[in-house]
Amino acid sequence: MTSRLAFFSVILGAFALGAFAQDTDFEAGATPYTPQQLHELLAGQNKMSVINFFGRMPNHQQGHDWVYNRLLIAVPGRDQYYTTAVVCFSHADDLVWQVVCYP
């Protein structure tokens, strides 16, 4: 019985580490986009396309808006990065109409 419990603990731990590693890879390993590039890439896309782009669900939702934290978004002309992107979906057709980035 204890060997089964140990086995499931290892499997669950590996799953949790794998999920965490995906976020870490995206944040640290990806070339940073600018806010304008994010808007151009995501405008007109549906919710599943946004999930596929970021490789995960949003950190939280505010009404029709999805908030993604812990990102690396380059601020053009400055040696600075934004870390949060708010993906705004249209109420009419549920497609992205705007992406807003914050420090």
C-alpha atoms as a PDB file:
ATOM      1  CA  MET A   1       0.000   0.000   0.000  1.00  0.00           C
ATOM      2  CA  THR A   2       2.778   2.447   0.851  1.00  0.00           C
ATOM      3  CA  SER A   3       4.538   1.691  -2.436  1.00  0.00           C
ATOM      4  CA  ARG A   4       1.396   2.746  -4.332  1.00  0.00           C
ATOM      5  CA  LEU A   5       1.188   5.934  -2.314  1.00  0.00           C
ATOM      6  CA  ALA A   6       4.857   6.667  -2.992  1.00  0.00           C
ATOM      7  CA  PHE A   7       4.366   5.973  -6.706  1.00  0.00           C
ATOM      8  CA  PHE A   8       1.412   8.390  -6.962  1.00  0.00           C
ATOM      9  CA  SER A   9       3.325  11.019  -4.983  1.00  0.00           C
ATOM     10  CA  VAL A  10       6.187  10.827  -7.486  1.00  0.00           C
ATOM     11  CA  ILE A  11       3.783  11.052 -10.442  1.00  0.00           C
ATOM     12  CA  LEU A  12       1.914  14.029  -8.974  1.00  0.00           C
ATOM     13  CA  GLY A  13       5.192  15.759  -8.105  1.00  0.00           C
ATOM     14  CA  ALA A  14       6.494  15.279 -11.642  1.00  0.00           C
ATOM     15  CA  PHE A  15       3.240  16.677 -13.056  1.00  0.00           C
ATOM     16  CA  ALA A  16       3.457  19.745 -10.805  1.00  0.00           C
ATOM     17  CA  LEU A  17       7.096  20.357 -11.741  1.00  0.00           C
ATOM     18  CA  GLY A  18       6.267  19.931 -15.422  1.00  0.00           C
ATOM     19  CA  ALA A  19       3.485  22.511 -15.205  1.00  0.00           C
ATOM     20  CA  PHE A  20       5.794  24.933 -13.402  1.00  0.00           C
ATOM     21  CA  ALA A  21       8.594  24.348 -15.899  1.00  0.00           C
ATOM     22  CA  GLN A  22       6.290  25.287 -18.774  1.00  0.00           C
ATOM     23  CA  ASP A  23       5.731  28.739 -17.277  1.00  0.00           C
ATOM     24  CA  THR A  24       9.434  29.136 -16.539  1.00  0.00           C
ATOM     25  CA  ASP A  25      10.389  28.162 -20.091  1.00  0.00           C
ATOM     26  CA  PHE A  26       7.944  30.650 -21.555  1.00  0.00           C
ATOM     27  CA  GLU A  27       9.029  33.484 -19.309  1.00  0.00           C
ATOM     28  CA  ALA A  28      12.774  32.979 -19.458  1.00  0.00           C
ATOM     29  CA  GLY A  29      13.319  31.190 -22.754  1.00  0.00           C
ATOM     30  CA  ALA A  30      11.108  33.097 -25.158  1.00  0.00           C
ATOM     31  CA  THR A  31      12.204  36.107 -27.127  1.00  0.00           C
ATOM     32  CA  PRO A  32      10.366  39.038 -25.562  1.00  0.00           C
ATOM     33  CA  TYR A  33       7.583  40.569 -27.623  1.00  0.00           C
ATOM     34  CA  THR A  34       6.752  44.259 -27.607  1.00  0.00           C
ATOM     35  CA  PRO A  35       3.231  45.370 -26.650  1.00  0.00           C
ATOM     36  CA  GLN A  36       2.588  46.253 -30.320  1.00  0.00           C
ATOM     37  CA  GLN A  37       3.705  42.798 -31.482  1.00  0.00           C
ATOM     38  CA  LEU A  38       1.441  41.094 -28.922  1.00  0.00           C
ATOM     39  CA  HIS A  39      -1.492  43.181 -30.116  1.00  0.00           C
ATOM     40  CA  GLU A  40      -0.784  42.378 -33.781  1.00  0.00           C
ATOM     41  CA  LEU A  41      -0.389  38.653 -33.074  1.00  0.00           C
ATOM     42  CA  LEU A  42      -3.495  38.295 -30.906  1.00  0.00           C
ATOM     43  CA  ALA A  43      -6.036  40.795 -32.301  1.00  0.00           C
ATOM     44  CA  GLY A  44      -8.924  38.929 -33.905  1.00  0.00           C
ATOM     45  CA  GLN A  45      -8.000  35.585 -32.309  1.00  0.00           C
ATOM     46  CA  ASN A  46     -10.368  33.408 -30.265  1.00  0.00           C
ATOM     47  CA  LYS A  47      -9.845  32.225 -26.688  1.00  0.00           C
ATOM     48  CA  MET A  48      -8.313  28.869 -27.655  1.00  0.00           C
ATOM     49  CA  SER A  49      -5.755  30.641 -29.865  1.00  0.00           C
ATOM     50  CA  VAL A  50      -4.750  32.852 -26.938  1.00  0.00           C
ATOM     51  CA  ILE A  51      -4.317  29.811 -24.684  1.00  0.00           C
ATOM     52  CA  ASN A  52      -2.191  28.139 -27.361  1.00  0.00           C
ATOM     53  CA  PHE A  53      -0.087  31.283 -27.840  1.00  0.00           C
ATOM     54  CA  PHE A  54       0.765  31.618 -24.152  1.00  0.00           C
ATOM     55  CA  GLY A  55       0.829  27.866 -23.557  1.00  0.00           C
ATOM     56  CA  ARG A  56      -1.442  28.138 -20.526  1.00  0.00           C
ATOM     57  CA  MET A  57      -4.649  29.525 -19.097  1.00  0.00           C
ATOM     58  CA  PRO A  58      -4.623  33.117 -17.806  1.00  0.00           C
ATOM     59  CA  ASN A  59      -3.593  33.789 -14.216  1.00  0.00           C
ATOM     60  CA  HIS A  60      -7.053  35.251 -13.642  1.00  0.00           C
ATOM     61  CA  GLN A  61     -10.047  36.757 -15.413  1.00  0.00           C
ATOM     62  CA  GLN A  62     -11.727  40.114 -14.941  1.00  0.00           C
ATOM     63  CA  GLY A  63     -15.063  40.029 -16.740  1.00  0.00           C
ATOM     64  CA  HIS A  64     -14.252  39.372 -20.413  1.00  0.00           C
ATOM     65  CA  ASP A  65     -10.559  40.205 -19.934  1.00  0.00           C
ATOM     66  CA  TRP A  66      -7.829  37.633 -19.332  1.00  0.00           C
ATOM     67  CA  VAL A  67      -4.802  38.627 -17.260  1.00  0.00           C
ATOM     68  CA  TYR A  68      -1.442  36.945 -17.862  1.00  0.00           C
ATOM     69  CA  ASN A  69       1.257  37.654 -15.261  1.00  0.00           C
ATOM     70  CA  ARG A  70       4.989  36.883 -15.152  1.00  0.00           C
ATOM     71  CA  LEU A  71       5.679  37.660 -18.806  1.00  0.00           C
ATOM     72  CA  LEU A  72       8.687  39.273 -20.432  1.00  0.00           C
ATOM     73  CA  ILE A  73       7.372  42.077 -22.670  1.00  0.00           C
ATOM     74  CA  ALA A  74      10.014  44.440 -24.045  1.00  0.00           C
ATOM     75  CA  VAL A  75       9.327  48.172 -23.846  1.00  0.00           C
ATOM     76  CA  PRO A  76      10.684  49.727 -27.064  1.00  0.00           C
ATOM     77  CA  GLY A  77      13.205  52.512 -26.615  1.00  0.00           C
ATOM     78  CA  ARG A  78      13.820  51.732 -22.927  1.00  0.00           C
ATOM     79  CA  ASP A  79      15.845  49.195 -21.033  1.00  0.00           C
ATOM     80  CA  GLN A  80      12.690  47.985 -19.315  1.00  0.00           C
ATOM     81  CA  TYR A  81      10.156  45.150 -19.452  1.00  0.00           C
ATOM     82  CA  TYR A  82       6.465  44.827 -18.723  1.00  0.00           C
ATOM     83  CA  THR A  83       5.352  41.707 -16.894  1.00  0.00           C
ATOM     84  CA  THR A  84       1.566  41.709 -17.282  1.00  0.00           C
ATOM     85  CA  ALA A  85      -0.621  41.487 -20.370  1.00  0.00           C
ATOM     86  CA  VAL A  86      -4.376  41.990 -20.302  1.00  0.00           C
ATOM     87  CA  VAL A  87      -6.080  40.356 -23.277  1.00  0.00           C
ATOM     88  CA  CYS A  88      -9.417  42.081 -23.905  1.00  0.00           C
ATOM     89  CA  PHE A  89     -12.145  40.073 -25.628  1.00  0.00           C
ATOM     90  CA  SER A  90     -15.046  41.698 -27.447  1.00  0.00           C
ATOM     91  CA  HIS A  91     -18.443  41.209 -25.846  1.00  0.00           C
ATOM     92  CA  ALA A  92     -19.997  40.825 -29.313  1.00  0.00           C
ATOM     93  CA  ASP A  93     -17.955  37.970 -30.806  1.00  0.00           C
ATOM     94  CA  ASP A  94     -15.491  36.831 -28.065  1.00  0.00           C
ATOM     95  CA  LEU A  95     -12.476  37.691 -30.233  1.00  0.00           C
ATOM     96  CA  VAL A  96      -9.456  39.662 -29.011  1.00  0.00           C
ATOM     97  CA  TRP A  97      -9.835  43.347 -29.791  1.00  0.00           C
ATOM     98  CA  GLN A  98      -6.999  44.754 -27.679  1.00  0.00           C
ATOM     99  CA  VAL A  99      -3.939  43.732 -25.668  1.00  0.00           C
ATOM    100  CA  VAL A 100      -2.754  46.084 -22.921  1.00  0.00           C
ATOM    101  CA  CYS A 101       0.589  45.637 -21.149  1.00  0.00           C
ATOM    102  CA  TYR A 102       1.625  46.818 -17.687  1.00  0.00           C
ATOM    103  CA  PRO A 103       4.798  46.808 -15.570  1.00  0.00           C
END
